[in-house]
Protein backbone atom coordinates (compact mmCIF):
# COMPACT_ATOMS: atom_id res chain seq x y z
CA MET A 1 -34.21 -37.93 33.08
CA LYS A 2 -32.94 -34.45 33.71
CA THR A 3 -30.65 -33.81 36.66
CA ILE A 4 -31.44 -30.75 38.77
CA VAL A 5 -28.61 -29.24 40.82
CA SER A 6 -29.93 -26.62 43.22
CA ASP A 7 -28.55 -24.31 45.85
CA LEU A 8 -30.63 -23.91 49.02
CA ASP A 9 -30.62 -20.43 50.59
CA GLY A 10 -32.02 -17.82 48.25
CA THR A 11 -32.83 -20.49 45.67
CA LEU A 12 -34.83 -23.51 46.77
CA LEU A 13 -35.65 -21.96 50.15
CA ASN A 14 -37.89 -18.92 50.28
CA SER A 15 -37.22 -15.84 52.41
CA TYR A 16 -38.62 -17.66 55.43
CA GLY A 17 -35.94 -20.33 55.02
CA VAL A 18 -38.30 -23.16 54.03
CA VAL A 19 -39.20 -25.20 50.97
CA ASP A 20 -42.80 -24.18 50.33
CA PRO A 21 -45.43 -26.93 49.82
CA PHE A 22 -45.80 -26.22 46.08
CA THR A 23 -42.06 -26.53 45.46
CA LYS A 24 -41.87 -29.66 47.60
CA ASP A 25 -44.66 -31.28 45.59
CA VAL A 26 -43.01 -30.41 42.26
CA LEU A 27 -39.68 -31.81 43.40
CA ASN A 28 -41.20 -35.06 44.58
CA THR A 29 -43.51 -35.72 41.64
CA SER A 30 -41.33 -34.63 38.71
CA PRO A 31 -39.29 -37.26 36.80
CA ILE A 32 -35.92 -35.73 37.72
CA TYR A 33 -32.78 -36.53 39.69
CA ARG A 34 -32.15 -34.11 42.57
CA ILE A 35 -28.73 -32.94 43.74
CA ILE A 36 -28.49 -30.25 46.42
CA ALA A 37 -25.37 -28.06 46.26
CA THR A 38 -25.11 -25.80 49.30
CA GLY A 39 -22.67 -24.10 51.63
CA ARG A 40 -24.54 -25.63 54.57
CA SER A 41 -23.50 -28.71 56.51
CA TYR A 42 -25.63 -31.86 56.48
CA LYS A 43 -26.76 -31.06 60.02
CA THR A 44 -28.36 -27.78 58.95
CA ALA A 45 -29.38 -28.72 55.38
CA SER A 46 -31.16 -32.03 55.88
CA PRO A 47 -33.87 -30.80 58.32
CA LEU A 48 -34.84 -28.12 55.80
CA LEU A 49 -35.43 -30.82 53.18
CA LYS A 50 -37.52 -33.13 55.31
CA GLY A 51 -40.14 -34.72 53.08
CA VAL A 52 -38.18 -34.00 49.89
CA ASP A 53 -36.57 -36.87 47.97
CA ILE A 54 -32.90 -35.92 47.50
CA ASP A 55 -30.49 -38.19 45.62
CA TYR A 56 -27.21 -36.54 46.67
CA TYR A 57 -26.10 -33.72 48.93
CA VAL A 58 -23.09 -31.61 47.90
CA LEU A 59 -22.33 -29.77 51.13
CA LEU A 60 -20.01 -27.13 52.57
CA ASN A 61 -19.47 -25.62 49.11
CA GLY A 62 -18.19 -28.93 47.76
CA ALA A 63 -16.06 -30.02 50.71
CA GLU A 64 -18.36 -32.98 51.37
CA CYS A 65 -20.80 -35.24 49.52
CA ARG A 66 -23.42 -37.49 51.09
CA ASN A 67 -26.04 -39.87 49.75
CA SER A 68 -29.76 -39.72 50.45
CA GLN A 69 -29.25 -41.54 53.76
CA GLY A 70 -26.64 -39.04 54.91
CA ASP A 71 -23.61 -41.31 54.53
CA ILE A 72 -20.38 -39.52 53.60
CA LEU A 73 -19.23 -40.51 50.11
CA TYR A 74 -16.48 -37.96 49.47
CA LYS A 75 -14.72 -35.30 51.51
CA GLU A 76 -12.09 -32.62 50.94
CA ASN A 77 -10.41 -31.15 54.03
CA ILE A 78 -8.50 -27.91 54.34
CA ASP A 79 -4.80 -28.54 54.89
CA LEU A 80 -4.50 -28.57 58.67
CA LYS A 81 -1.54 -26.17 58.82
CA ILE A 82 -3.38 -23.70 56.61
CA ALA A 83 -6.58 -24.08 58.64
CA HIS A 84 -4.72 -23.29 61.88
CA THR A 85 -3.05 -20.26 60.28
CA ILE A 86 -6.46 -18.93 59.24
CA MET A 87 -8.15 -19.61 62.58
CA ASN A 88 -5.34 -18.03 64.58
CA GLY A 89 -5.36 -15.03 62.24
CA LEU A 90 -9.11 -14.59 62.70
CA LEU A 91 -8.76 -14.75 66.47
CA GLU A 92 -6.02 -12.13 66.35
CA ARG A 93 -8.36 -9.93 64.31
CA HIS A 94 -11.19 -10.46 66.83
CA THR A 95 -13.34 -11.93 64.07
CA ASP A 96 -16.06 -14.53 64.64
CA PHE A 97 -16.10 -17.75 62.64
CA GLU A 98 -17.52 -21.26 62.46
CA ILE A 99 -15.65 -24.44 61.57
CA ASN A 100 -17.18 -27.59 60.11
CA THR A 101 -15.25 -30.65 61.24
CA GLU A 102 -15.44 -34.44 61.15
CA GLU A 103 -17.08 -34.33 64.58
CA GLY A 104 -19.54 -31.47 64.13
CA ASP A 105 -19.83 -27.71 63.83
CA TYR A 106 -18.21 -25.25 66.25
CA SER A 107 -18.27 -21.46 66.47
CA THR A 108 -16.89 -18.51 68.40
CA ASP A 109 -20.45 -17.13 68.53
CA THR A 110 -23.07 -19.76 69.31
CA VAL A 111 -25.81 -17.14 69.58
CA PHE A 112 -25.47 -16.17 65.92
CA CYS A 113 -24.61 -19.74 64.86
CA ASP A 114 -27.22 -21.37 67.04
CA THR A 115 -26.74 -24.90 65.68
CA THR A 116 -23.07 -25.01 66.71
CA ALA A 117 -21.17 -25.85 69.88
CA GLN A 118 -18.73 -23.42 71.50
CA LEU A 119 -15.28 -23.40 69.92
CA SER A 120 -12.50 -23.63 72.51
CA GLU A 121 -8.72 -23.40 72.46
CA GLN A 122 -8.57 -27.17 72.90
CA HIS A 123 -10.74 -27.63 69.83
CA LEU A 124 -8.25 -25.70 67.75
CA GLN A 125 -5.63 -28.32 68.56
CA ASP A 126 -7.76 -31.45 68.44
CA TYR A 127 -9.46 -31.45 65.07
CA LYS A 128 -7.70 -33.30 62.29
CA GLU A 129 -10.36 -32.80 59.61
CA ILE A 130 -11.67 -29.31 58.96
CA ARG A 131 -13.93 -29.08 55.91
CA LYS A 132 -14.88 -25.40 55.93
CA ILE A 133 -14.27 -22.16 57.80
CA PHE A 134 -17.19 -19.74 57.74
CA VAL A 135 -16.29 -16.14 58.62
CA PHE A 136 -19.01 -13.63 59.52
CA VAL A 137 -18.62 -9.89 60.08
CA HIS A 138 -21.42 -7.34 59.76
CA ASP A 139 -18.96 -4.60 58.87
CA GLU A 140 -18.34 -4.21 55.15
CA GLN A 141 -14.92 -2.57 55.48
CA LYS A 142 -13.65 -5.25 57.86
CA ILE A 143 -15.02 -8.14 55.80
CA ASN A 144 -13.28 -6.76 52.71
CA GLN A 145 -9.99 -6.48 54.62
CA ILE A 146 -10.26 -10.08 55.79
CA LYS A 147 -11.13 -11.28 52.31
CA TYR A 148 -8.05 -9.50 50.95
CA TRP A 149 -5.89 -11.22 53.58
CA LEU A 150 -7.39 -14.63 52.81
CA ASP A 151 -6.92 -14.15 49.07
CA GLN A 152 -3.16 -14.04 49.68
CA ILE A 153 -3.13 -17.52 51.24
CA GLU A 154 -2.39 -20.37 48.86
CA GLY A 155 -4.12 -23.74 48.98
CA ILE A 156 -7.66 -22.53 49.70
CA ASN A 157 -10.81 -21.56 47.85
CA VAL A 158 -12.44 -18.33 49.06
CA THR A 159 -16.02 -17.42 48.22
CA SER A 160 -19.17 -16.05 49.89
CA SER A 161 -22.93 -16.48 49.95
CA SER A 162 -23.64 -12.92 51.13
CA TRP A 163 -21.78 -9.62 51.60
CA TRP A 164 -21.28 -10.23 55.33
CA ASN A 165 -19.60 -13.64 55.14
CA ILE A 166 -16.61 -15.46 53.71
CA GLU A 167 -16.50 -19.22 53.12
CA VAL A 168 -13.14 -20.99 53.02
CA THR A 169 -12.57 -24.53 51.75
CA SER A 170 -9.70 -26.52 50.34
CA MET A 171 -8.48 -25.47 46.91
CA ASN A 172 -9.82 -28.86 45.77
CA ALA A 173 -13.32 -28.10 47.02
CA ASN A 174 -15.98 -26.05 45.30
CA LYS A 175 -19.51 -26.86 44.22
CA ALA A 176 -18.57 -27.54 40.59
CA LEU A 177 -15.74 -29.94 41.43
CA MET A 178 -17.88 -32.05 43.75
CA VAL A 179 -20.94 -32.05 41.48
CA LYS A 180 -18.71 -33.15 38.61
CA ARG A 181 -17.34 -35.93 40.80
CA VAL A 182 -20.86 -37.11 41.65
CA ILE A 183 -21.99 -37.06 38.03
CA GLU A 184 -18.88 -38.80 36.73
CA THR A 185 -18.64 -41.54 39.36
CA LEU A 186 -22.09 -42.05 40.88
CA HIS A 187 -24.69 -40.56 38.63
CA PRO A 188 -23.83 -40.29 34.91
CA SER A 189 -25.92 -37.56 33.28
CA ASP A 190 -25.59 -35.34 30.20
CA ASP A 191 -28.70 -33.29 30.92
CA VAL A 192 -27.81 -31.14 33.94
CA TYR A 193 -29.61 -27.96 35.01
CA VAL A 194 -28.08 -25.76 37.69
CA PHE A 195 -29.99 -23.31 39.92
CA GLY A 196 -28.38 -20.69 42.16
CA ASP A 197 -28.36 -17.15 43.49
CA GLY A 198 -24.98 -16.37 45.08
CA TYR A 199 -21.26 -16.01 44.51
CA ASN A 200 -20.61 -19.53 45.76
CA ASP A 201 -22.63 -20.79 42.77
CA LEU A 202 -20.31 -19.17 40.23
CA SER A 203 -18.13 -22.27 39.79
CA LEU A 204 -21.20 -24.29 38.78
CA PHE A 205 -22.43 -21.60 36.41
CA LYS A 206 -19.04 -21.51 34.70
CA ASP A 207 -18.86 -25.29 34.28
CA TYR A 208 -22.39 -26.10 33.12
CA LYS A 209 -24.32 -24.91 30.08
CA HIS A 210 -27.87 -25.01 31.43
CA THR A 211 -27.83 -22.49 34.26
CA ARG A 212 -30.75 -20.78 35.97
CA ALA A 213 -30.10 -17.69 38.09
CA MET A 214 -32.77 -16.51 40.51
CA SER A 215 -34.09 -13.01 39.87
CA ASN A 216 -33.17 -12.25 43.50
CA GLY A 217 -29.59 -13.42 42.87
CA VAL A 218 -26.37 -11.45 42.51
CA ASN A 219 -25.71 -9.69 39.20
CA ALA A 220 -22.47 -11.60 38.63
CA LEU A 221 -24.50 -14.80 38.40
CA LYS A 222 -27.36 -13.38 36.35
CA GLN A 223 -24.91 -11.98 33.80
CA ILE A 224 -23.52 -15.41 32.90
CA ALA A 225 -26.71 -17.49 33.33
CA GLU A 226 -28.39 -19.14 30.38
CA LYS A 227 -31.66 -17.91 31.85
CA VAL A 228 -32.86 -15.75 34.76
CA ILE A 229 -35.98 -17.16 36.42
CA ASP A 230 -38.51 -15.99 38.97
CA SER A 231 -37.50 -15.33 42.59
CA ASN A 232 -37.23 -17.79 45.45
CA ASP A 233 -40.37 -16.24 46.95
CA ASN A 234 -42.36 -16.84 43.77
CA HIS A 235 -41.65 -20.55 43.20
CA GLY A 236 -38.89 -19.84 40.66
CA VAL A 237 -37.24 -23.27 40.81
CA ALA A 238 -40.51 -25.20 40.85
CA LYS A 239 -42.01 -23.35 37.90
CA GLU A 240 -38.84 -23.85 35.87
CA ILE A 241 -38.77 -27.57 36.64
CA ILE A 242 -42.37 -27.87 35.40
CA ASP A 243 -41.35 -26.22 32.12
CA LEU A 244 -38.23 -28.39 31.78
CA VAL A 245 -40.15 -31.60 32.32
CA LYS A 246 -42.64 -30.57 29.60
CA ASP A 247 -39.85 -30.23 27.01
């Protein structure tokens, strides 16, 4: 059977942030294996996929992998010294961010990140496992300055899912690395099809031959995709799966 690797936001989810009933039905009834590869944590991804049979979750841009029951199989943490340098630097720059840790998700702005708990000074000292740092600034000049600063720091992977955010993981964590790990160790497959829309999908699109970029995706992804498909609001992933299963 074919293995489908799909991003969530802007790809499997429509503009309302849900998997529409048609797409859900196609996913559940097609003879395929399903791997989700998202920047989200399990806490925010799994409720969106309620009623969808998922084989593996690649989460936090490849910093974590869980099985269908939500058990952690693999994890890649940011070096703690580097994580503290980044967090302190963001605080000095009066920049909001979220951290995904072994104990849950915490943010400097729980109104914007409404699924997180408040990040405190004590938290900065306590956490020993930080999977991802998610930076958000709705100021294009400032976000570019912060990205430039982060790009100078060794030992991390820096990407984004939209112009207003930056996603930081360990240098050993990106979607392609974790998907490859899943396929090599847990789920051998030579017939892999990747779906995505954002910059954090680039590693997957560079590593896999059969790539499907959403028409609503970024140009950088569409330019290297094997095929550009319909948008997330027009059942792009579902319609492509139907065609793939026919072949």
